Protein backbone atom coordinates (compact mmCIF):
# COMPACT_ATOMS: atom_id res chain seq x y z
CA MET A 1 0.00 0.00 0.00
CA SER A 2 1.40 3.40 -0.87
CA THR A 3 1.72 6.01 1.82
CA ALA A 4 -1.10 8.47 1.71
CA LYS A 5 -2.93 10.81 4.00
CA CYS A 6 -5.39 9.28 6.39
CA SER A 7 -8.93 10.28 5.48
CA VAL A 8 -10.86 8.45 8.19
CA HIS A 9 -9.99 6.16 11.06
CA ARG A 10 -12.72 3.69 11.94
CA ARG A 11 -12.64 0.98 14.58
CA ASP A 12 -12.03 -1.71 11.94
CA ALA A 13 -10.06 0.17 9.28
CA ILE A 14 -7.89 3.14 8.41
CA VAL A 15 -9.20 4.70 5.22
CA LEU A 16 -6.47 6.35 3.15
CA GLU A 17 -6.70 8.56 0.08
CA ARG A 18 -5.85 5.57 -2.13
CA GLY A 19 -6.98 2.52 -0.24
CA LYS A 20 -7.79 1.02 3.11
CA VAL A 21 -5.88 -0.91 5.80
CA GLU A 22 -7.49 -3.18 8.37
CA ALA A 23 -7.18 -1.88 11.92
CA ALA A 24 -7.11 -3.73 15.21
CA PRO A 25 -9.76 -2.23 17.50
CA ASP A 26 -7.53 -2.15 20.59
CA ASP A 27 -4.43 -0.68 18.90
CA LEU A 28 -3.46 2.99 18.94
CA TYR A 29 -2.74 4.64 15.58
CA VAL A 30 -0.99 7.98 15.23
CA ASP A 31 -1.46 9.97 12.02
CA CYS A 32 2.00 11.46 11.45
CA THR A 33 0.88 13.14 8.23
CA ALA A 34 -1.26 15.56 10.19
CA LYS A 35 -0.04 19.11 10.65
CA ALA A 36 0.07 20.37 14.23
CA PHE A 37 -1.02 23.88 13.33
CA ARG A 38 -2.26 25.50 10.18
CA LYS A 39 -1.75 29.17 9.55
CA ARG A 40 -4.96 30.94 10.44
CA PRO A 41 -5.90 34.34 11.76
CA SER A 42 -4.90 34.84 15.39
CA VAL A 43 -7.57 35.55 17.96
CA SER A 44 -7.18 36.46 21.60
CA VAL A 45 -6.30 33.46 23.75
CA PHE A 46 -8.62 34.66 26.54
CA ASP A 47 -12.12 35.85 25.66
CA ALA A 48 -14.53 36.00 28.60
CA GLU A 49 -15.29 32.35 29.42
CA GLU A 50 -13.44 30.88 26.44
CA ILE A 51 -9.76 29.98 26.02
CA THR A 52 -8.47 29.43 22.48
CA ARG A 53 -5.33 27.27 22.56
CA GLN A 54 -2.56 28.73 20.44
CA GLN A 55 1.22 28.87 20.41
CA VAL A 56 2.71 31.60 22.55
CA ARG A 57 6.17 30.18 21.90
CA PRO A 58 6.68 28.54 18.49
CA GLY A 59 7.56 24.88 18.49
CA ARG A 60 7.05 24.62 22.24
CA LEU A 61 3.50 23.32 22.47
CA SER A 62 3.78 22.01 26.02
CA LEU A 63 5.34 25.27 27.20
CA SER A 64 2.58 27.26 25.48
CA ALA A 65 -0.12 25.13 27.13
CA ALA A 66 1.52 25.34 30.56
CA LEU A 67 2.03 29.08 30.29
CA ILE A 68 -1.58 29.67 29.24
CA ALA A 69 -2.77 27.53 32.17
CA HIS A 70 -0.48 29.39 34.60
CA VAL A 71 -1.67 32.79 33.36
CA GLU A 72 -5.33 31.70 33.55
CA ALA A 73 -4.88 30.56 37.15
CA SER A 74 -2.84 33.60 38.23
CA TYR A 75 -4.50 36.64 36.66
CA GLY A 76 -8.10 37.83 36.61
CA ASP A 77 -8.08 40.45 33.88
CA ASP A 78 -8.36 39.19 30.28
CA ALA A 79 -6.40 42.18 28.94
CA ILE A 80 -3.40 41.30 31.13
CA LYS A 81 -3.73 37.60 30.31
CA ASN A 82 -3.85 38.32 26.57
CA ASP A 83 -0.85 40.63 26.82
CA LEU A 84 1.15 37.80 28.42
CA CYS A 85 -0.12 35.22 25.92
CA ALA A 86 -0.08 36.92 22.52
CA PRO A 87 -0.50 34.19 19.85
CA ILE A 88 2.45 33.39 17.60
CA PRO A 89 1.47 32.30 14.06
CA SER A 90 2.95 29.11 12.67
CA VAL A 91 5.83 29.38 10.25
CA GLU A 92 4.72 28.22 6.81
CA LEU A 93 7.39 29.82 4.62
CA ALA A 94 10.97 30.89 5.20
CA ALA A 95 9.77 34.50 4.90
CA ASP A 96 7.55 33.97 7.99
CA TYR A 97 10.49 33.13 10.22
CA LEU A 98 11.71 36.68 10.97
CA SER A 99 8.29 38.05 11.90
CA THR A 100 7.62 34.96 14.03
CA MET A 101 10.90 35.43 15.89
CA LEU A 102 10.15 39.12 16.44
CA ASP A 103 6.70 38.24 17.85
CA THR A 104 8.32 35.56 20.03
CA LEU A 105 10.88 37.98 21.46
CA ARG A 106 8.12 40.53 22.16
CA ASN A 107 6.17 37.88 24.05
CA GLU A 108 9.18 36.84 26.07
CA ARG A 109 9.92 40.44 27.06
CA ARG A 110 6.33 40.75 28.35
CA TRP A 111 6.82 37.73 30.59
CA GLY A 112 8.62 39.83 33.22
CA PRO A 113 6.08 39.01 35.96
CA ILE A 114 6.25 35.28 35.24
CA ARG A 115 9.87 34.83 34.17
CA SER A 116 10.68 32.52 37.07
CA CYS A 117 8.00 30.10 35.85
CA VAL A 118 9.28 30.20 32.27
CA VAL A 119 13.02 30.25 33.01
CA GLY A 120 12.66 27.13 35.13
CA SER A 121 11.15 25.29 32.17
CA THR A 122 13.39 22.98 30.19
CA SER A 123 11.16 23.75 27.20
CA ILE A 124 12.22 27.37 26.68
CA GLY A 125 15.16 26.61 24.42
CA TYR A 126 17.39 29.64 24.98
CA PRO A 127 16.67 31.33 28.34
CA ALA A 128 20.09 32.95 28.74
CA LEU A 129 19.62 35.01 25.59
CA VAL A 130 16.18 36.26 26.52
CA PHE A 131 16.17 36.53 30.29
CA ARG A 132 19.61 37.91 31.12
CA THR A 133 18.60 41.56 30.55
CA PRO A 134 16.19 43.02 33.15
CA ALA A 135 12.79 44.03 31.76
């Protein structure tokens, strides 16, 4: 069977674009062809009673989720929470990289009040570059 995108996963089969494969009902299947994030318009992470999960640090999904949860639990005002968790769009093209890095650095500079939480994370990637200078 040729590799192809998964169209549907049923209990008894995985339906691909060009065929079907039998599936064991108790096995776990992971679709590695799926994209984690698609480029779409950013919206505020916090909006009244709704939280829209987005990256606040590109490529660091667990850090983004943990940071959003920490901010939700620690701050009451949506404006402050959204300032600390400005969404970072996914990089689709090489040309997107510079603007994404600029947005990332802006976010990290805003994290002054919660730097200890972020700096302690092994997920940050390069804390010495970002957190050495006082905000």
